[in-house]
PDB file of all heavy atoms in Angstrom:
ATOM      1  N   LEU A   1     -17.883 -11.284  11.923  1.00  0.00           N
ATOM      2  CA  LEU A   1     -17.021 -11.295  13.208  1.00  0.00           C
ATOM      3  C   LEU A   1     -16.335  -9.946  13.447  1.00  0.00           C
ATOM      4  O   LEU A   1     -15.562  -9.915  14.351  1.00  0.00           O
ATOM      5  CB  LEU A   1     -16.080 -12.432  13.138  1.00  0.00           C
ATOM      6  CG  LEU A   1     -16.593 -13.851  13.102  1.00  0.00           C
ATOM      7  CD1 LEU A   1     -15.580 -14.880  12.902  1.00  0.00           C
ATOM      8  CD2 LEU A   1     -17.415 -14.126  14.358  1.00  0.00           C
ATOM      9  N   GLU A   2     -16.554  -9.055  12.527  1.00  0.00           N
ATOM     10  CA  GLU A   2     -15.906  -7.691  12.582  1.00  0.00           C
ATOM     11  C   GLU A   2     -14.414  -7.815  12.502  1.00  0.00           C
ATOM     12  O   GLU A   2     -13.688  -6.947  13.086  1.00  0.00           O
ATOM     13  CB  GLU A   2     -16.428  -6.888  13.854  1.00  0.00           C
ATOM     14  CG  GLU A   2     -17.870  -6.688  13.798  1.00  0.00           C
ATOM     15  CD  GLU A   2     -18.391  -5.809  14.968  1.00  0.00           C
ATOM     16  OE1 GLU A   2     -17.571  -5.180  15.676  1.00  0.00           O
ATOM     17  OE2 GLU A   2     -19.619  -5.790  15.193  1.00  0.00           O
ATOM     18  N   GLU A   3     -13.971  -8.764  11.767  1.00  0.00           N
ATOM     19  CA  GLU A   3     -12.534  -8.864  11.436  1.00  0.00           C
ATOM     20  C   GLU A   3     -12.296  -8.264  10.083  1.00  0.00           C
ATOM     21  O   GLU A   3     -12.240  -8.914   9.060  1.00  0.00           O
ATOM     22  CB  GLU A   3     -12.179 -10.349  11.460  1.00  0.00           C
ATOM     23  CG  GLU A   3     -12.207 -11.042  12.807  1.00  0.00           C
ATOM     24  CD  GLU A   3     -11.053 -10.581  13.682  1.00  0.00           C
ATOM     25  OE1 GLU A   3     -10.067 -10.096  13.213  1.00  0.00           O
ATOM     26  OE2 GLU A   3     -11.283 -10.644  14.947  1.00  0.00           O
ATOM     27  N   PHE A   4     -12.284  -6.981  10.031  1.00  0.00           N
ATOM     28  CA  PHE A   4     -12.395  -6.289   8.793  1.00  0.00           C
ATOM     29  C   PHE A   4     -11.213  -6.402   7.928  1.00  0.00           C
ATOM     30  O   PHE A   4     -11.356  -6.568   6.703  1.00  0.00           O
ATOM     31  CB  PHE A   4     -12.646  -4.746   9.142  1.00  0.00           C
ATOM     32  CG  PHE A   4     -13.884  -4.495   9.861  1.00  0.00           C
ATOM     33  CD1 PHE A   4     -13.823  -3.751  11.061  1.00  0.00           C
ATOM     34  CD2 PHE A   4     -15.104  -4.954   9.454  1.00  0.00           C
ATOM     35  CE1 PHE A   4     -15.000  -3.534  11.759  1.00  0.00           C
ATOM     36  CE2 PHE A   4     -16.275  -4.708  10.168  1.00  0.00           C
ATOM     37  CZ  PHE A   4     -16.253  -4.061  11.287  1.00  0.00           C
ATOM     38  N   ARG A   5     -10.003  -6.480   8.437  1.00  0.00           N
ATOM     39  CA  ARG A   5      -8.805  -6.719   7.642  1.00  0.00           C
ATOM     40  C   ARG A   5      -8.870  -8.027   6.902  1.00  0.00           C
ATOM     41  O   ARG A   5      -8.632  -8.179   5.696  1.00  0.00           O
ATOM     42  CB  ARG A   5      -7.576  -6.583   8.476  1.00  0.00           C
ATOM     43  CG  ARG A   5      -6.312  -6.730   7.670  1.00  0.00           C
ATOM     44  CD  ARG A   5      -5.113  -6.406   8.465  1.00  0.00           C
ATOM     45  NE  ARG A   5      -3.927  -6.569   7.649  1.00  0.00           N
ATOM     46  CZ  ARG A   5      -2.709  -6.736   8.096  1.00  0.00           C
ATOM     47  NH1 ARG A   5      -2.541  -6.846   9.428  1.00  0.00           N
ATOM     48  NH2 ARG A   5      -1.733  -6.910   7.261  1.00  0.00           N
ATOM     49  N   LEU A   6      -9.167  -9.072   7.730  1.00  0.00           N
ATOM     50  CA  LEU A   6      -9.327 -10.462   7.092  1.00  0.00           C
ATOM     51  C   LEU A   6     -10.456 -10.435   6.022  1.00  0.00           C
ATOM     52  O   LEU A   6     -10.278 -11.060   4.941  1.00  0.00           O
ATOM     53  CB  LEU A   6      -9.609 -11.468   8.167  1.00  0.00           C
ATOM     54  CG  LEU A   6      -9.901 -12.858   7.683  1.00  0.00           C
ATOM     55  CD1 LEU A   6      -8.699 -13.421   6.918  1.00  0.00           C
ATOM     56  CD2 LEU A   6     -10.245 -13.753   8.827  1.00  0.00           C
ATOM     57  N   ALA A   7     -11.564  -9.776   6.244  1.00  0.00           N
ATOM     58  CA  ALA A   7     -12.609  -9.712   5.309  1.00  0.00           C
ATOM     59  C   ALA A   7     -12.138  -9.081   3.970  1.00  0.00           C
ATOM     60  O   ALA A   7     -12.409  -9.561   2.858  1.00  0.00           O
ATOM     61  CB  ALA A   7     -13.837  -8.868   5.840  1.00  0.00           C
ATOM     62  N   GLU A   8     -11.406  -7.995   4.139  1.00  0.00           N
ATOM     63  CA  GLU A   8     -10.911  -7.227   2.986  1.00  0.00           C
ATOM     64  C   GLU A   8      -9.941  -8.151   2.207  1.00  0.00           C
ATOM     65  O   GLU A   8     -10.000  -8.195   0.967  1.00  0.00           O
ATOM     66  CB  GLU A   8     -10.250  -5.924   3.473  1.00  0.00           C
ATOM     67  CG  GLU A   8      -9.733  -5.121   2.330  1.00  0.00           C
ATOM     68  CD  GLU A   8      -9.100  -3.826   2.796  1.00  0.00           C
ATOM     69  OE1 GLU A   8      -8.339  -3.827   3.839  1.00  0.00           O
ATOM     70  OE2 GLU A   8      -9.294  -2.826   2.117  1.00  0.00           O
ATOM     71  N   GLU A   9      -9.078  -8.822   2.893  1.00  0.00           N
ATOM     72  CA  GLU A   9      -8.081  -9.673   2.233  1.00  0.00           C
ATOM     73  C   GLU A   9      -8.768 -10.821   1.511  1.00  0.00           C
ATOM     74  O   GLU A   9      -8.404 -11.246   0.419  1.00  0.00           O
ATOM     75  CB  GLU A   9      -7.073 -10.171   3.336  1.00  0.00           C
ATOM     76  CG  GLU A   9      -6.167  -9.142   3.800  1.00  0.00           C
ATOM     77  CD  GLU A   9      -5.337  -9.571   4.984  1.00  0.00           C
ATOM     78  OE1 GLU A   9      -5.434 -10.780   5.462  1.00  0.00           O
ATOM     79  OE2 GLU A   9      -4.478  -8.781   5.414  1.00  0.00           O
ATOM     80  N   ALA A  10      -9.805 -11.389   2.191  1.00  0.00           N
ATOM     81  CA  ALA A  10     -10.543 -12.537   1.583  1.00  0.00           C
ATOM     82  C   ALA A  10     -11.240 -12.084   0.307  1.00  0.00           C
ATOM     83  O   ALA A  10     -11.198 -12.790  -0.722  1.00  0.00           O
ATOM     84  CB  ALA A  10     -11.505 -13.137   2.597  1.00  0.00           C
ATOM     85  N   TYR A  11     -11.986 -10.980   0.372  1.00  0.00           N
ATOM     86  CA  TYR A  11     -12.629 -10.526  -0.852  1.00  0.00           C
ATOM     87  C   TYR A  11     -11.679 -10.166  -1.947  1.00  0.00           C
ATOM     88  O   TYR A  11     -11.913 -10.505  -3.082  1.00  0.00           O
ATOM     89  CB  TYR A  11     -13.534  -9.346  -0.486  1.00  0.00           C
ATOM     90  CG  TYR A  11     -14.849  -9.761   0.073  1.00  0.00           C
ATOM     91  CD1 TYR A  11     -15.177  -9.626   1.428  1.00  0.00           C
ATOM     92  CD2 TYR A  11     -15.876 -10.297  -0.730  1.00  0.00           C
ATOM     93  CE1 TYR A  11     -16.418  -9.998   2.005  1.00  0.00           C
ATOM     94  CE2 TYR A  11     -17.077 -10.685  -0.233  1.00  0.00           C
ATOM     95  CZ  TYR A  11     -17.362 -10.539   1.161  1.00  0.00           C
ATOM     96  OH  TYR A  11     -18.616 -10.934   1.655  1.00  0.00           O
ATOM     97  N   ALA A  12     -10.518  -9.633  -1.602  1.00  0.00           N
ATOM     98  CA  ALA A  12      -9.509  -9.313  -2.598  1.00  0.00           C
ATOM     99  C   ALA A  12      -8.970 -10.582  -3.192  1.00  0.00           C
ATOM    100  O   ALA A  12      -8.744 -10.644  -4.442  1.00  0.00           O
ATOM    101  CB  ALA A  12      -8.412  -8.439  -1.966  1.00  0.00           C
ATOM    102  N   ALA A  13      -8.799 -11.600  -2.382  1.00  0.00           N
ATOM    103  CA  ALA A  13      -8.337 -12.845  -2.897  1.00  0.00           C
ATOM    104  C   ALA A  13      -9.369 -13.502  -3.820  1.00  0.00           C
ATOM    105  O   ALA A  13      -8.950 -14.050  -4.866  1.00  0.00           O
ATOM    106  CB  ALA A  13      -7.945 -13.861  -1.746  1.00  0.00           C
ATOM    107  N   GLY A  14     -10.565 -13.395  -3.507  1.00  0.00           N
ATOM    108  CA  GLY A  14     -11.590 -13.984  -4.383  1.00  0.00           C
ATOM    109  C   GLY A  14     -11.644 -13.225  -5.734  1.00  0.00           C
ATOM    110  O   GLY A  14     -11.758 -13.817  -6.735  1.00  0.00           O
ATOM    111  N   LEU A  15     -11.503 -11.949  -5.708  1.00  0.00           N
ATOM    112  CA  LEU A  15     -11.440 -11.193  -6.942  1.00  0.00           C
ATOM    113  C   LEU A  15     -10.225 -11.570  -7.800  1.00  0.00           C
ATOM    114  O   LEU A  15     -10.309 -11.645  -8.939  1.00  0.00           O
ATOM    115  CB  LEU A  15     -11.525  -9.640  -6.673  1.00  0.00           C
ATOM    116  CG  LEU A  15     -12.768  -9.074  -6.114  1.00  0.00           C
ATOM    117  CD1 LEU A  15     -12.654  -7.682  -5.704  1.00  0.00           C
ATOM    118  CD2 LEU A  15     -13.900  -9.329  -7.150  1.00  0.00           C
ATOM    119  N   THR A  16      -9.104 -11.750  -7.092  1.00  0.00           N
ATOM    120  CA  THR A  16      -7.893 -12.130  -7.788  1.00  0.00           C
ATOM    121  C   THR A  16      -8.079 -13.514  -8.451  1.00  0.00           C
ATOM    122  O   THR A  16      -7.641 -13.638  -9.614  1.00  0.00           O
ATOM    123  CB  THR A  16      -6.681 -12.242  -6.791  1.00  0.00           C
ATOM    124  OG1 THR A  16      -6.518 -10.876  -6.298  1.00  0.00           O
ATOM    125  CG2 THR A  16      -5.433 -12.714  -7.444  1.00  0.00           C
ATOM    126  N   LEU A  17      -8.683 -14.431  -7.739  1.00  0.00           N
ATOM    127  CA  LEU A  17      -8.966 -15.745  -8.358  1.00  0.00           C
ATOM    128  C   LEU A  17      -9.808 -15.618  -9.583  1.00  0.00           C
ATOM    129  O   LEU A  17      -9.516 -16.313 -10.581  1.00  0.00           O
ATOM    130  CB  LEU A  17      -9.577 -16.687  -7.335  1.00  0.00           C
ATOM    131  CG  LEU A  17      -8.617 -17.248  -6.256  1.00  0.00           C
ATOM    132  CD1 LEU A  17      -9.559 -17.928  -5.092  1.00  0.00           C
ATOM    133  CD2 LEU A  17      -7.633 -18.231  -6.829  1.00  0.00           C
ATOM    134  N   LEU A  18     -10.879 -14.866  -9.543  1.00  0.00           N
ATOM    135  CA  LEU A  18     -11.719 -14.650 -10.616  1.00  0.00           C
ATOM    136  C   LEU A  18     -11.024 -14.117 -11.796  1.00  0.00           C
ATOM    137  O   LEU A  18     -11.250 -14.472 -12.922  1.00  0.00           O
ATOM    138  CB  LEU A  18     -12.926 -13.818 -10.318  1.00  0.00           C
ATOM    139  CG  LEU A  18     -14.011 -14.433  -9.366  1.00  0.00           C
ATOM    140  CD1 LEU A  18     -15.083 -13.344  -9.054  1.00  0.00           C
ATOM    141  CD2 LEU A  18     -14.653 -15.638 -10.064  1.00  0.00           C
ATOM    142  N   ASP A  19     -10.189 -13.054 -11.524  1.00  0.00           N
ATOM    143  CA  ASP A  19      -9.476 -12.417 -12.568  1.00  0.00           C
ATOM    144  C   ASP A  19      -8.364 -13.240 -13.179  1.00  0.00           C
ATOM    145  O   ASP A  19      -8.243 -13.444 -14.441  1.00  0.00           O
ATOM    146  CB  ASP A  19      -8.891 -11.137 -12.045  1.00  0.00           C
ATOM    147  CG  ASP A  19      -8.229 -10.190 -13.106  1.00  0.00           C
ATOM    148  OD1 ASP A  19      -8.849  -9.969 -14.148  1.00  0.00           O
ATOM    149  OD2 ASP A  19      -7.048  -9.815 -12.912  1.00  0.00           O
ATOM    150  N   ARG A  20      -7.605 -13.825 -12.372  1.00  0.00           N
ATOM    151  CA  ARG A  20      -6.400 -14.537 -12.758  1.00  0.00           C
ATOM    152  C   ARG A  20      -6.754 -15.813 -13.613  1.00  0.00           C
ATOM    153  O   ARG A  20      -6.091 -16.129 -14.533  1.00  0.00           O
ATOM    154  CB  ARG A  20      -5.537 -14.930 -11.582  1.00  0.00           C
ATOM    155  CG  ARG A  20      -4.229 -15.672 -12.029  1.00  0.00           C
ATOM    156  CD  ARG A  20      -3.341 -15.994 -10.832  1.00  0.00           C
ATOM    157  NE  ARG A  20      -2.899 -14.756 -10.224  1.00  0.00           N
ATOM    158  CZ  ARG A  20      -2.522 -14.769  -8.923  1.00  0.00           C
ATOM    159  NH1 ARG A  20      -2.485 -15.859  -8.212  1.00  0.00           N
ATOM    160  NH2 ARG A  20      -2.146 -13.581  -8.402  1.00  0.00           N
ATOM    161  N   TYR A  21      -7.858 -16.532 -13.156  1.00  0.00           N
ATOM    162  CA  TYR A  21      -8.167 -17.732 -13.783  1.00  0.00           C
ATOM    163  C   TYR A  21      -9.443 -17.667 -14.628  1.00  0.00           C
ATOM    164  O   TYR A  21     -10.019 -18.717 -14.988  1.00  0.00           O
ATOM    165  CB  TYR A  21      -8.257 -18.894 -12.700  1.00  0.00           C
ATOM    166  CG  TYR A  21      -6.931 -19.099 -12.057  1.00  0.00           C
ATOM    167  CD1 TYR A  21      -6.726 -18.651 -10.709  1.00  0.00           C
ATOM    168  CD2 TYR A  21      -5.851 -19.646 -12.683  1.00  0.00           C
ATOM    169  CE1 TYR A  21      -5.532 -18.800 -10.131  1.00  0.00           C
ATOM    170  CE2 TYR A  21      -4.645 -19.835 -12.034  1.00  0.00           C
ATOM    171  CZ  TYR A  21      -4.492 -19.407 -10.751  1.00  0.00           C
ATOM    172  OH  TYR A  21      -3.314 -19.557 -10.165  1.00  0.00           O
ATOM    173  N   ASP A  22      -9.866 -16.458 -14.944  1.00  0.00           N
ATOM    174  CA  ASP A  22     -11.108 -16.254 -15.702  1.00  0.00           C
ATOM    175  C   ASP A  22     -12.203 -17.088 -15.118  1.00  0.00           C
ATOM    176  O   ASP A  22     -12.843 -17.909 -15.796  1.00  0.00           O
ATOM    177  CB  ASP A  22     -10.832 -16.663 -17.196  1.00  0.00           C
ATOM    178  CG  ASP A  22     -11.903 -16.105 -18.128  1.00  0.00           C
ATOM    179  OD1 ASP A  22     -12.501 -15.124 -17.769  1.00  0.00           O
ATOM    180  OD2 ASP A  22     -12.151 -16.750 -19.122  1.00  0.00           O
ATOM    181  N   GLY A  23     -12.471 -16.863 -13.889  1.00  0.00           N
ATOM    182  CA  GLY A  23     -13.429 -17.601 -13.091  1.00  0.00           C
ATOM    183  C   GLY A  23     -14.906 -17.291 -13.464  1.00  0.00           C
ATOM    184  O   GLY A  23     -15.190 -16.531 -14.337  1.00  0.00           O
ATOM    185  N   ASN A  24     -15.728 -18.031 -12.828  1.00  0.00           N
ATOM    186  CA  ASN A  24     -17.169 -18.032 -13.079  1.00  0.00           C
ATOM    187  C   ASN A  24     -17.785 -16.650 -12.488  1.00  0.00           C
ATOM    188  O   ASN A  24     -17.833 -16.494 -11.318  1.00  0.00           O
ATOM    189  CB  ASN A  24     -17.835 -19.146 -12.374  1.00  0.00           C
ATOM    190  CG  ASN A  24     -19.279 -19.280 -12.610  1.00  0.00           C
ATOM    191  OD1 ASN A  24     -19.933 -18.320 -13.036  1.00  0.00           O
ATOM    192  ND2 ASN A  24     -19.850 -20.406 -12.241  1.00  0.00           N
ATOM    193  N   ASP A  25     -18.165 -15.774 -13.369  1.00  0.00           N
ATOM    194  CA  ASP A  25     -18.697 -14.446 -12.949  1.00  0.00           C
ATOM    195  C   ASP A  25     -19.972 -14.566 -12.054  1.00  0.00           C
ATOM    196  O   ASP A  25     -20.257 -13.621 -11.358  1.00  0.00           O
ATOM    197  CB  ASP A  25     -18.963 -13.567 -14.176  1.00  0.00           C
ATOM    198  CG  ASP A  25     -17.700 -13.101 -14.819  1.00  0.00           C
ATOM    199  OD1 ASP A  25     -16.702 -13.050 -14.150  1.00  0.00           O
ATOM    200  OD2 ASP A  25     -17.791 -12.710 -16.070  1.00  0.00           O
ATOM    201  N   ALA A  26     -20.658 -15.639 -12.167  1.00  0.00           N
ATOM    202  CA  ALA A  26     -21.821 -15.808 -11.358  1.00  0.00           C
ATOM    203  C   ALA A  26     -21.423 -15.821  -9.901  1.00  0.00           C
ATOM    204  O   ALA A  26     -22.229 -15.380  -8.968  1.00  0.00           O
ATOM    205  CB  ALA A  26     -22.572 -17.088 -11.618  1.00  0.00           C
ATOM    206  N   GLN A  27     -20.193 -16.279  -9.534  1.00  0.00           N
ATOM    207  CA  GLN A  27     -19.767 -16.313  -8.177  1.00  0.00           C
ATOM    208  C   GLN A  27     -19.676 -14.897  -7.606  1.00  0.00           C
ATOM    209  O   GLN A  27     -19.943 -14.650  -6.485  1.00  0.00           O
ATOM    210  CB  GLN A  27     -18.408 -16.963  -8.050  1.00  0.00           C
ATOM    211  CG  GLN A  27     -18.583 -18.487  -8.267  1.00  0.00           C
ATOM    212  CD  GLN A  27     -17.248 -19.158  -8.116  1.00  0.00           C
ATOM    213  OE1 GLN A  27     -16.262 -18.690  -8.670  1.00  0.00           O
ATOM    214  NE2 GLN A  27     -17.216 -20.236  -7.355  1.00  0.00           N
ATOM    215  N   LEU A  28     -19.247 -13.932  -8.463  1.00  0.00           N
ATOM    216  CA  LEU A  28     -19.195 -12.537  -7.985  1.00  0.00           C
ATOM    217  C   LEU A  28     -20.554 -12.024  -7.664  1.00  0.00           C
ATOM    218  O   LEU A  28     -20.728 -11.329  -6.660  1.00  0.00           O
ATOM    219  CB  LEU A  28     -18.587 -11.719  -9.084  1.00  0.00           C
ATOM    220  CG  LEU A  28     -18.303 -10.279  -8.791  1.00  0.00           C
ATOM    221  CD1 LEU A  28     -17.423 -10.069  -7.562  1.00  0.00           C
ATOM    222  CD2 LEU A  28     -17.669  -9.584  -9.986  1.00  0.00           C
ATOM    223  N   GLY A  29     -21.554 -12.347  -8.490  1.00  0.00           N
ATOM    224  CA  GLY A  29     -22.919 -11.949  -8.188  1.00  0.00           C
ATOM    225  C   GLY A  29     -23.453 -12.511  -6.859  1.00  0.00           C
ATOM    226  O   GLY A  29     -24.097 -11.828  -6.076  1.00  0.00           O
ATOM    227  N   ARG A  30     -23.131 -13.858  -6.564  1.00  0.00           N
ATOM    228  CA  ARG A  30     -23.556 -14.432  -5.386  1.00  0.00           C
ATOM    229  C   ARG A  30     -22.783 -13.799  -4.175  1.00  0.00           C
ATOM    230  O   ARG A  30     -23.462 -13.599  -3.179  1.00  0.00           O
ATOM    231  CB  ARG A  30     -23.260 -15.956  -5.403  1.00  0.00           C
ATOM    232  CG  ARG A  30     -24.335 -16.703  -6.249  1.00  0.00           C
ATOM    233  CD  ARG A  30     -24.116 -18.213  -5.978  1.00  0.00           C
ATOM    234  NE  ARG A  30     -22.845 -18.753  -6.374  1.00  0.00           N
ATOM    235  CZ  ARG A  30     -22.558 -19.206  -7.595  1.00  0.00           C
ATOM    236  NH1 ARG A  30     -23.531 -19.088  -8.587  1.00  0.00           N
ATOM    237  NH2 ARG A  30     -21.339 -19.660  -7.881  1.00  0.00           N
ATOM    238  N   ALA A  31     -21.545 -13.505  -4.319  1.00  0.00           N
ATOM    239  CA  ALA A  31     -20.874 -12.892  -3.232  1.00  0.00           C
ATOM    240  C   ALA A  31     -21.437 -11.527  -2.964  1.00  0.00           C
ATOM    241  O   ALA A  31     -21.546 -11.191  -1.743  1.00  0.00           O
ATOM    242  CB  ALA A  31     -19.356 -12.751  -3.647  1.00  0.00           C
ATOM    243  N   ARG A  32     -21.770 -10.754  -3.965  1.00  0.00           N
ATOM    244  CA  ARG A  32     -22.338  -9.454  -3.780  1.00  0.00           C
ATOM    245  C   ARG A  32     -23.713  -9.638  -3.080  1.00  0.00           C
ATOM    246  O   ARG A  32     -24.047  -8.897  -2.161  1.00  0.00           O
ATOM    247  CB  ARG A  32     -22.519  -8.762  -5.120  1.00  0.00           C
ATOM    248  CG  ARG A  32     -22.829  -7.319  -5.015  1.00  0.00           C
ATOM    249  CD  ARG A  32     -22.922  -6.653  -6.438  1.00  0.00           C
ATOM    250  NE  ARG A  32     -22.659  -5.291  -6.432  1.00  0.00           N
ATOM    251  CZ  ARG A  32     -23.356  -4.362  -5.654  1.00  0.00           C
ATOM    252  NH1 ARG A  32     -24.341  -4.751  -4.808  1.00  0.00           N
ATOM    253  NH2 ARG A  32     -23.031  -3.125  -5.623  1.00  0.00           N
TER     254      ARG A  32
END
């Protein structure tokens, strides 16, 4: 939707969740 700020914030939040809670690294691969 070209909402770049929201996109950046959402991806950063996803990375934070993975890092903070030792999340499933496969999700990072899927996101990529």
